[in-house]
Amino acid sequence: MQLVEIYVNDQEVAGEYIAQAFFEWNGQEWEMTVKGASKDEAESTAKAQAEAYLQAWTADKNAANDKYSVYPF
């Protein structure tokens, strides 16, 4: 599993910014969504969660996917 991209929406949605982290593994794209009060907060949260997810993923793929809500895109 590798992190491919982090994308943050330019516009607020219901008072929050949405950031998506995209991962790739064996040709399949996976996605995690996080929210923040600002674009910077959403981006930094996505980066931190993506890093924690990748560490957890090496130990137990299914548990990491469930804990960090990572799904096939």
N, C-alpha and C. Protein backbone atom coordinates (compact mmCIF):
# COMPACT_ATOMS: atom_id res chain seq x y z
N MET A 1 0.87 -1.17 0.00
CA MET A 1 0.00 0.00 0.00
C MET A 1 0.90 1.22 0.00
N GLN A 2 0.56 2.17 -0.86
CA GLN A 2 1.32 3.42 -0.88
C GLN A 2 0.38 4.60 -1.05
N LEU A 3 0.74 5.71 -0.44
CA LEU A 3 -0.02 6.95 -0.57
C LEU A 3 0.27 7.54 -1.94
N VAL A 4 -0.77 7.86 -2.68
CA VAL A 4 -0.63 8.41 -4.02
C VAL A 4 -0.86 9.92 -4.03
N GLU A 5 -1.88 10.38 -3.31
CA GLU A 5 -2.25 11.80 -3.37
C GLU A 5 -3.11 12.17 -2.18
N ILE A 6 -3.01 13.42 -1.77
CA ILE A 6 -3.95 14.00 -0.81
C ILE A 6 -4.59 15.20 -1.51
N TYR A 7 -5.91 15.20 -1.55
CA TYR A 7 -6.66 16.25 -2.22
C TYR A 7 -7.59 16.92 -1.20
N VAL A 8 -7.61 18.25 -1.19
CA VAL A 8 -8.49 19.01 -0.29
C VAL A 8 -9.44 19.85 -1.14
N ASN A 9 -10.74 19.75 -0.86
CA ASN A 9 -11.72 20.55 -1.58
C ASN A 9 -11.46 22.04 -1.36
N ASP A 10 -11.68 22.84 -2.40
CA ASP A 10 -11.50 24.29 -2.30
C ASP A 10 -12.65 24.97 -1.58
N GLN A 11 -13.80 24.36 -1.58
CA GLN A 11 -14.99 24.97 -0.99
C GLN A 11 -15.41 24.20 0.27
N GLU A 12 -15.94 24.94 1.23
CA GLU A 12 -16.50 24.32 2.43
C GLU A 12 -17.74 23.51 2.08
N VAL A 13 -17.96 22.47 2.85
CA VAL A 13 -19.19 21.70 2.75
C VAL A 13 -19.75 21.63 4.17
N ALA A 14 -20.87 22.26 4.39
CA ALA A 14 -21.50 22.30 5.71
C ALA A 14 -20.52 22.81 6.78
N GLY A 15 -19.74 23.84 6.44
CA GLY A 15 -18.84 24.46 7.39
C GLY A 15 -17.52 23.74 7.61
N GLU A 16 -17.26 22.73 6.81
CA GLU A 16 -16.00 21.98 6.95
C GLU A 16 -15.36 21.77 5.58
N TYR A 17 -14.07 21.57 5.60
CA TYR A 17 -13.34 21.21 4.38
C TYR A 17 -13.11 19.71 4.39
N ILE A 18 -13.18 19.11 3.24
CA ILE A 18 -13.01 17.67 3.10
C ILE A 18 -11.68 17.39 2.42
N ALA A 19 -10.91 16.50 3.01
CA ALA A 19 -9.65 16.06 2.42
C ALA A 19 -9.76 14.56 2.15
N GLN A 20 -9.22 14.15 1.03
CA GLN A 20 -9.21 12.74 0.67
C GLN A 20 -7.77 12.30 0.47
N ALA A 21 -7.44 11.16 1.04
CA ALA A 21 -6.14 10.54 0.82
C ALA A 21 -6.39 9.34 -0.08
N PHE A 22 -5.62 9.26 -1.16
CA PHE A 22 -5.75 8.16 -2.11
C PHE A 22 -4.53 7.26 -2.01
N PHE A 23 -4.78 5.98 -1.96
CA PHE A 23 -3.72 4.97 -1.85
C PHE A 23 -3.84 4.00 -3.02
N GLU A 24 -2.77 3.28 -3.28
CA GLU A 24 -2.81 2.25 -4.32
C GLU A 24 -2.15 0.99 -3.78
N TRP A 25 -2.77 -0.14 -4.10
CA TRP A 25 -2.22 -1.43 -3.70
C TRP A 25 -2.66 -2.47 -4.74
N ASN A 26 -1.71 -3.12 -5.34
CA ASN A 26 -1.98 -4.15 -6.36
C ASN A 26 -2.90 -3.65 -7.47
N GLY A 27 -2.70 -2.42 -7.92
CA GLY A 27 -3.48 -1.87 -9.02
C GLY A 27 -4.86 -1.37 -8.62
N GLN A 28 -5.23 -1.49 -7.36
CA GLN A 28 -6.53 -1.02 -6.86
C GLN A 28 -6.34 0.28 -6.11
N GLU A 29 -7.19 1.27 -6.37
CA GLU A 29 -7.12 2.53 -5.66
C GLU A 29 -8.05 2.49 -4.44
N TRP A 30 -7.56 3.01 -3.34
CA TRP A 30 -8.30 3.05 -2.08
C TRP A 30 -8.39 4.50 -1.62
N GLU A 31 -9.39 4.82 -0.78
CA GLU A 31 -9.62 6.21 -0.41
C GLU A 31 -10.01 6.33 1.06
N MET A 32 -9.52 7.42 1.67
CA MET A 32 -9.86 7.79 3.05
C MET A 32 -10.33 9.24 3.01
N THR A 33 -11.39 9.56 3.74
CA THR A 33 -11.90 10.92 3.79
C THR A 33 -11.83 11.44 5.23
N VAL A 34 -11.33 12.66 5.38
CA VAL A 34 -11.31 13.33 6.69
C VAL A 34 -11.83 14.74 6.51
N LYS A 35 -12.20 15.37 7.61
CA LYS A 35 -12.74 16.73 7.59
C LYS A 35 -11.95 17.62 8.53
N GLY A 36 -11.98 18.93 8.24
CA GLY A 36 -11.33 19.90 9.10
C GLY A 36 -12.02 21.24 9.01
N ALA A 37 -11.80 22.08 10.00
CA ALA A 37 -12.42 23.41 10.04
C ALA A 37 -11.83 24.36 9.00
N SER A 38 -10.60 24.08 8.55
CA SER A 38 -9.95 24.89 7.52
C SER A 38 -9.28 23.94 6.53
N LYS A 39 -8.86 24.50 5.39
CA LYS A 39 -8.16 23.68 4.40
C LYS A 39 -6.88 23.11 4.99
N ASP A 40 -6.14 23.96 5.72
CA ASP A 40 -4.88 23.51 6.32
C ASP A 40 -5.10 22.40 7.33
N GLU A 41 -6.14 22.56 8.16
CA GLU A 41 -6.43 21.53 9.16
C GLU A 41 -6.83 20.22 8.49
N ALA A 42 -7.66 20.30 7.45
CA ALA A 42 -8.08 19.09 6.75
C ALA A 42 -6.88 18.39 6.12
N GLU A 43 -5.99 19.16 5.52
CA GLU A 43 -4.82 18.58 4.87
C GLU A 43 -3.87 17.95 5.90
N SER A 44 -3.62 18.65 7.00
CA SER A 44 -2.70 18.10 7.99
C SER A 44 -3.29 16.86 8.67
N THR A 45 -4.60 16.86 8.89
CA THR A 45 -5.26 15.69 9.45
C THR A 45 -5.16 14.51 8.49
N ALA A 46 -5.38 14.77 7.22
CA ALA A 46 -5.30 13.71 6.21
C ALA A 46 -3.89 13.12 6.16
N LYS A 47 -2.88 13.99 6.20
CA LYS A 47 -1.49 13.50 6.17
C LYS A 47 -1.18 12.64 7.39
N ALA A 48 -1.60 13.11 8.57
CA ALA A 48 -1.34 12.37 9.81
C ALA A 48 -2.08 11.04 9.82
N GLN A 49 -3.34 11.06 9.40
CA GLN A 49 -4.13 9.82 9.37
C GLN A 49 -3.59 8.85 8.33
N ALA A 50 -3.14 9.36 7.20
CA ALA A 50 -2.58 8.49 6.16
C ALA A 50 -1.32 7.81 6.66
N GLU A 51 -0.47 8.56 7.36
CA GLU A 51 0.76 7.98 7.90
C GLU A 51 0.45 6.91 8.94
N ALA A 52 -0.48 7.21 9.85
CA ALA A 52 -0.87 6.24 10.87
C ALA A 52 -1.51 5.00 10.23
N TYR A 53 -2.33 5.22 9.23
CA TYR A 53 -2.97 4.11 8.52
C TYR A 53 -1.93 3.19 7.89
N LEU A 54 -0.96 3.76 7.19
CA LEU A 54 0.05 2.94 6.53
C LEU A 54 0.85 2.11 7.53
N GLN A 55 1.13 2.67 8.68
CA GLN A 55 1.83 1.91 9.72
C GLN A 55 0.96 0.77 10.24
N ALA A 56 -0.32 1.06 10.48
CA ALA A 56 -1.24 0.04 10.97
C ALA A 56 -1.49 -1.02 9.90
N TRP A 57 -1.51 -0.60 8.66
CA TRP A 57 -1.80 -1.51 7.55
C TRP A 57 -0.76 -2.62 7.45
N THR A 58 0.49 -2.31 7.74
CA THR A 58 1.55 -3.32 7.65
C THR A 58 1.34 -4.43 8.68
N ALA A 59 0.70 -4.11 9.81
CA ALA A 59 0.46 -5.11 10.85
C ALA A 59 -0.80 -5.93 10.59
N ASP A 60 -1.90 -5.26 10.16
CA ASP A 60 -3.17 -5.96 9.94
C ASP A 60 -4.01 -5.13 8.96
N LYS A 61 -4.02 -5.57 7.72
CA LYS A 61 -4.69 -4.82 6.65
C LYS A 61 -6.17 -4.57 6.95
N ASN A 62 -6.90 -5.61 7.32
CA ASN A 62 -8.34 -5.47 7.54
C ASN A 62 -8.65 -4.57 8.72
N ALA A 63 -7.92 -4.73 9.82
CA ALA A 63 -8.15 -3.88 11.00
C ALA A 63 -7.84 -2.42 10.67
N ALA A 64 -6.78 -2.18 9.93
CA ALA A 64 -6.42 -0.81 9.55
C ALA A 64 -7.50 -0.19 8.66
N ASN A 65 -7.98 -0.96 7.69
CA ASN A 65 -9.04 -0.45 6.80
C ASN A 65 -10.28 -0.08 7.60
N ASP A 66 -10.65 -0.92 8.57
CA ASP A 66 -11.82 -0.64 9.39
C ASP A 66 -11.59 0.58 10.30
N LYS A 67 -10.45 0.61 10.98
CA LYS A 67 -10.15 1.69 11.93
C LYS A 67 -10.11 3.05 11.26
N TYR A 68 -9.49 3.12 10.07
CA TYR A 68 -9.30 4.41 9.39
C TYR A 68 -10.31 4.64 8.27
N SER A 69 -11.30 3.78 8.16
CA SER A 69 -12.36 3.91 7.15
C SER A 69 -11.78 4.10 5.75
N VAL A 70 -10.93 3.17 5.34
CA VAL A 70 -10.33 3.18 4.01
C VAL A 70 -11.05 2.15 3.17
N TYR A 71 -11.53 2.60 2.00
CA TYR A 71 -12.34 1.74 1.14
C TYR A 71 -11.84 1.80 -0.29
N PRO A 72 -12.14 0.75 -1.07
CA PRO A 72 -11.80 0.82 -2.51
C PRO A 72 -12.50 2.01 -3.14
N PHE A 73 -11.81 2.67 -4.04
CA PHE A 73 -12.34 3.87 -4.70
C PHE A 73 -13.01 3.49 -5.98
